[in-house]
Amino acid sequence: MFGNIAHVFSTFDARYKADDPTPLARGINSIQLLKNGDRWLVISLLWDEERSDRPIPAEYLPEGIA
């Protein structure tokens, strides 16, 4: 974060149903935000899916998730 702008990485997984044991896909969201008064606005959202040759780096995964 700097001034009124922020950049956030978040991980995601996609499932048909919430109780599916294995996700269809996993990846990382890249979100750019702008503070406008008392609220944050999403300016852009990009994502990329994990691949076998490009796994999600451990520092982006929640604790206990591999």
N, C-alpha and C. Protein backbone atom coordinates (compact mmCIF):
# COMPACT_ATOMS: atom_id res chain seq x y z
N MET A 1 0.85 -1.16 0.00
CA MET A 1 0.00 0.00 0.00
C MET A 1 0.90 1.23 0.00
N PHE A 2 0.48 2.22 -0.76
CA PHE A 2 1.16 3.50 -0.79
C PHE A 2 0.11 4.57 -1.01
N GLY A 3 -0.02 5.50 -0.06
CA GLY A 3 -1.02 6.55 -0.20
C GLY A 3 -2.41 5.97 -0.34
N ASN A 4 -3.05 6.26 -1.45
CA ASN A 4 -4.42 5.80 -1.70
C ASN A 4 -4.50 4.62 -2.66
N ILE A 5 -3.36 3.94 -2.90
CA ILE A 5 -3.40 2.77 -3.77
C ILE A 5 -2.89 1.54 -3.02
N ALA A 6 -3.41 0.39 -3.39
CA ALA A 6 -2.97 -0.87 -2.79
C ALA A 6 -3.00 -1.96 -3.86
N HIS A 7 -2.12 -2.93 -3.69
CA HIS A 7 -2.06 -4.09 -4.57
C HIS A 7 -2.13 -5.32 -3.68
N VAL A 8 -3.06 -6.22 -3.96
CA VAL A 8 -3.30 -7.39 -3.12
C VAL A 8 -3.21 -8.65 -3.97
N PHE A 9 -2.49 -9.64 -3.47
CA PHE A 9 -2.52 -10.99 -4.03
C PHE A 9 -3.39 -11.84 -3.13
N SER A 10 -4.24 -12.66 -3.71
CA SER A 10 -5.02 -13.63 -2.94
C SER A 10 -5.10 -14.92 -3.74
N THR A 11 -5.24 -16.02 -3.03
CA THR A 11 -5.36 -17.30 -3.71
C THR A 11 -6.83 -17.68 -3.84
N PHE A 12 -7.10 -18.54 -4.80
CA PHE A 12 -8.47 -19.04 -4.97
C PHE A 12 -8.43 -20.51 -5.34
N ASP A 13 -9.51 -21.19 -5.06
CA ASP A 13 -9.73 -22.50 -5.65
C ASP A 13 -11.18 -22.56 -6.13
N ALA A 14 -11.39 -23.29 -7.21
CA ALA A 14 -12.71 -23.40 -7.83
C ALA A 14 -13.21 -24.83 -7.67
N ARG A 15 -14.46 -24.96 -7.23
CA ARG A 15 -15.08 -26.27 -7.02
C ARG A 15 -16.50 -26.23 -7.57
N TYR A 16 -16.99 -27.38 -8.02
CA TYR A 16 -18.40 -27.45 -8.42
C TYR A 16 -19.29 -27.24 -7.22
N LYS A 17 -18.96 -27.93 -6.10
CA LYS A 17 -19.72 -27.81 -4.86
C LYS A 17 -18.74 -27.53 -3.73
N ALA A 18 -19.20 -26.80 -2.72
CA ALA A 18 -18.32 -26.42 -1.62
C ALA A 18 -17.70 -27.62 -0.92
N ASP A 19 -18.39 -28.76 -0.91
CA ASP A 19 -17.86 -29.93 -0.20
C ASP A 19 -17.07 -30.89 -1.11
N ASP A 20 -16.79 -30.49 -2.35
CA ASP A 20 -15.94 -31.31 -3.21
C ASP A 20 -14.55 -31.42 -2.57
N PRO A 21 -13.98 -32.62 -2.51
CA PRO A 21 -12.69 -32.78 -1.83
C PRO A 21 -11.51 -32.16 -2.59
N THR A 22 -11.61 -32.09 -3.90
CA THR A 22 -10.50 -31.58 -4.71
C THR A 22 -10.98 -30.44 -5.59
N PRO A 23 -10.25 -29.33 -5.63
CA PRO A 23 -10.67 -28.22 -6.49
C PRO A 23 -10.46 -28.54 -7.97
N LEU A 24 -11.29 -27.93 -8.81
CA LEU A 24 -11.10 -28.03 -10.26
C LEU A 24 -9.88 -27.25 -10.70
N ALA A 25 -9.65 -26.12 -10.04
CA ALA A 25 -8.53 -25.25 -10.37
C ALA A 25 -8.16 -24.44 -9.14
N ARG A 26 -6.90 -24.03 -9.11
CA ARG A 26 -6.41 -23.11 -8.08
C ARG A 26 -5.60 -22.04 -8.78
N GLY A 27 -5.45 -20.90 -8.13
CA GLY A 27 -4.67 -19.85 -8.74
C GLY A 27 -4.49 -18.66 -7.82
N ILE A 28 -3.99 -17.58 -8.40
CA ILE A 28 -3.74 -16.34 -7.67
C ILE A 28 -4.48 -15.20 -8.35
N ASN A 29 -5.14 -14.39 -7.53
CA ASN A 29 -5.75 -13.14 -7.97
C ASN A 29 -4.77 -12.01 -7.73
N SER A 30 -4.71 -11.06 -8.63
CA SER A 30 -3.94 -9.84 -8.47
C SER A 30 -4.94 -8.69 -8.55
N ILE A 31 -5.10 -7.97 -7.44
CA ILE A 31 -6.15 -6.95 -7.33
C ILE A 31 -5.52 -5.60 -7.06
N GLN A 32 -5.89 -4.59 -7.84
CA GLN A 32 -5.45 -3.22 -7.59
C GLN A 32 -6.63 -2.43 -7.05
N LEU A 33 -6.37 -1.68 -5.97
CA LEU A 33 -7.41 -0.94 -5.26
C LEU A 33 -7.05 0.54 -5.17
N LEU A 34 -8.08 1.37 -5.10
CA LEU A 34 -7.92 2.82 -4.93
C LEU A 34 -8.83 3.26 -3.80
N LYS A 35 -8.26 3.98 -2.82
CA LYS A 35 -9.07 4.49 -1.72
C LYS A 35 -9.74 5.78 -2.16
N ASN A 36 -11.06 5.81 -2.03
CA ASN A 36 -11.87 6.96 -2.42
C ASN A 36 -12.69 7.35 -1.20
N GLY A 37 -12.20 8.32 -0.45
CA GLY A 37 -12.88 8.71 0.78
C GLY A 37 -12.73 7.60 1.82
N ASP A 38 -13.86 7.05 2.26
CA ASP A 38 -13.86 6.00 3.28
C ASP A 38 -13.98 4.59 2.70
N ARG A 39 -13.87 4.44 1.39
CA ARG A 39 -14.04 3.11 0.82
C ARG A 39 -12.94 2.81 -0.19
N TRP A 40 -12.72 1.51 -0.39
CA TRP A 40 -11.75 1.04 -1.36
C TRP A 40 -12.50 0.58 -2.61
N LEU A 41 -12.03 1.00 -3.77
CA LEU A 41 -12.61 0.61 -5.05
C LEU A 41 -11.67 -0.36 -5.76
N VAL A 42 -12.22 -1.39 -6.37
CA VAL A 42 -11.43 -2.32 -7.17
C VAL A 42 -11.22 -1.67 -8.54
N ILE A 43 -9.98 -1.45 -8.89
CA ILE A 43 -9.64 -0.82 -10.17
C ILE A 43 -9.36 -1.87 -11.23
N SER A 44 -8.67 -2.94 -10.83
CA SER A 44 -8.43 -4.03 -11.78
C SER A 44 -8.31 -5.34 -11.03
N LEU A 45 -8.65 -6.40 -11.73
CA LEU A 45 -8.56 -7.76 -11.18
C LEU A 45 -8.05 -8.67 -12.29
N LEU A 46 -6.93 -9.30 -12.03
CA LEU A 46 -6.36 -10.29 -12.95
C LEU A 46 -6.17 -11.58 -12.17
N TRP A 47 -6.19 -12.72 -12.85
CA TRP A 47 -5.93 -13.98 -12.19
C TRP A 47 -5.23 -14.91 -13.15
N ASP A 48 -4.54 -15.86 -12.57
CA ASP A 48 -3.86 -16.88 -13.36
C ASP A 48 -3.97 -18.20 -12.60
N GLU A 49 -4.24 -19.26 -13.34
CA GLU A 49 -4.41 -20.57 -12.72
C GLU A 49 -3.08 -21.27 -12.53
N GLU A 50 -3.01 -22.03 -11.47
CA GLU A 50 -1.86 -22.86 -11.17
C GLU A 50 -1.75 -23.96 -12.24
N ARG A 51 -0.51 -24.31 -12.58
CA ARG A 51 -0.25 -25.43 -13.50
C ARG A 51 0.78 -26.34 -12.85
N SER A 52 0.91 -27.53 -13.37
CA SER A 52 1.87 -28.47 -12.79
C SER A 52 3.30 -27.93 -12.85
N ASP A 53 3.62 -27.16 -13.89
CA ASP A 53 4.96 -26.59 -14.00
C ASP A 53 5.07 -25.20 -13.36
N ARG A 54 3.98 -24.72 -12.77
CA ARG A 54 3.98 -23.41 -12.12
C ARG A 54 3.05 -23.44 -10.90
N PRO A 55 3.48 -24.13 -9.82
CA PRO A 55 2.64 -24.21 -8.63
C PRO A 55 2.57 -22.86 -7.91
N ILE A 56 1.52 -22.70 -7.12
CA ILE A 56 1.38 -21.49 -6.31
C ILE A 56 2.50 -21.48 -5.27
N PRO A 57 3.26 -20.38 -5.16
CA PRO A 57 4.32 -20.31 -4.14
C PRO A 57 3.73 -20.46 -2.73
N ALA A 58 4.46 -21.16 -1.87
CA ALA A 58 3.98 -21.46 -0.52
C ALA A 58 3.59 -20.21 0.26
N GLU A 59 4.28 -19.09 0.05
CA GLU A 59 3.98 -17.88 0.83
C GLU A 59 2.59 -17.31 0.52
N TYR A 60 1.97 -17.73 -0.58
CA TYR A 60 0.63 -17.25 -0.92
C TYR A 60 -0.47 -18.20 -0.46
N LEU A 61 -0.10 -19.38 0.00
CA LEU A 61 -1.10 -20.37 0.42
C LEU A 61 -1.42 -20.22 1.90
N PRO A 62 -2.68 -20.44 2.28
CA PRO A 62 -3.03 -20.42 3.71
C PRO A 62 -2.26 -21.51 4.46
N GLU A 63 -2.06 -21.31 5.75
CA GLU A 63 -1.36 -22.31 6.56
C GLU A 63 -2.03 -23.67 6.45
N GLY A 64 -1.22 -24.71 6.32
CA GLY A 64 -1.75 -26.06 6.27
C GLY A 64 -2.22 -26.51 4.90
N ILE A 65 -2.13 -25.65 3.89
CA ILE A 65 -2.55 -25.99 2.52
C ILE A 65 -1.29 -26.18 1.68
N ALA A 66 -1.28 -27.25 0.90
CA ALA A 66 -0.12 -27.48 0.03
C ALA A 66 -0.57 -27.56 -1.40
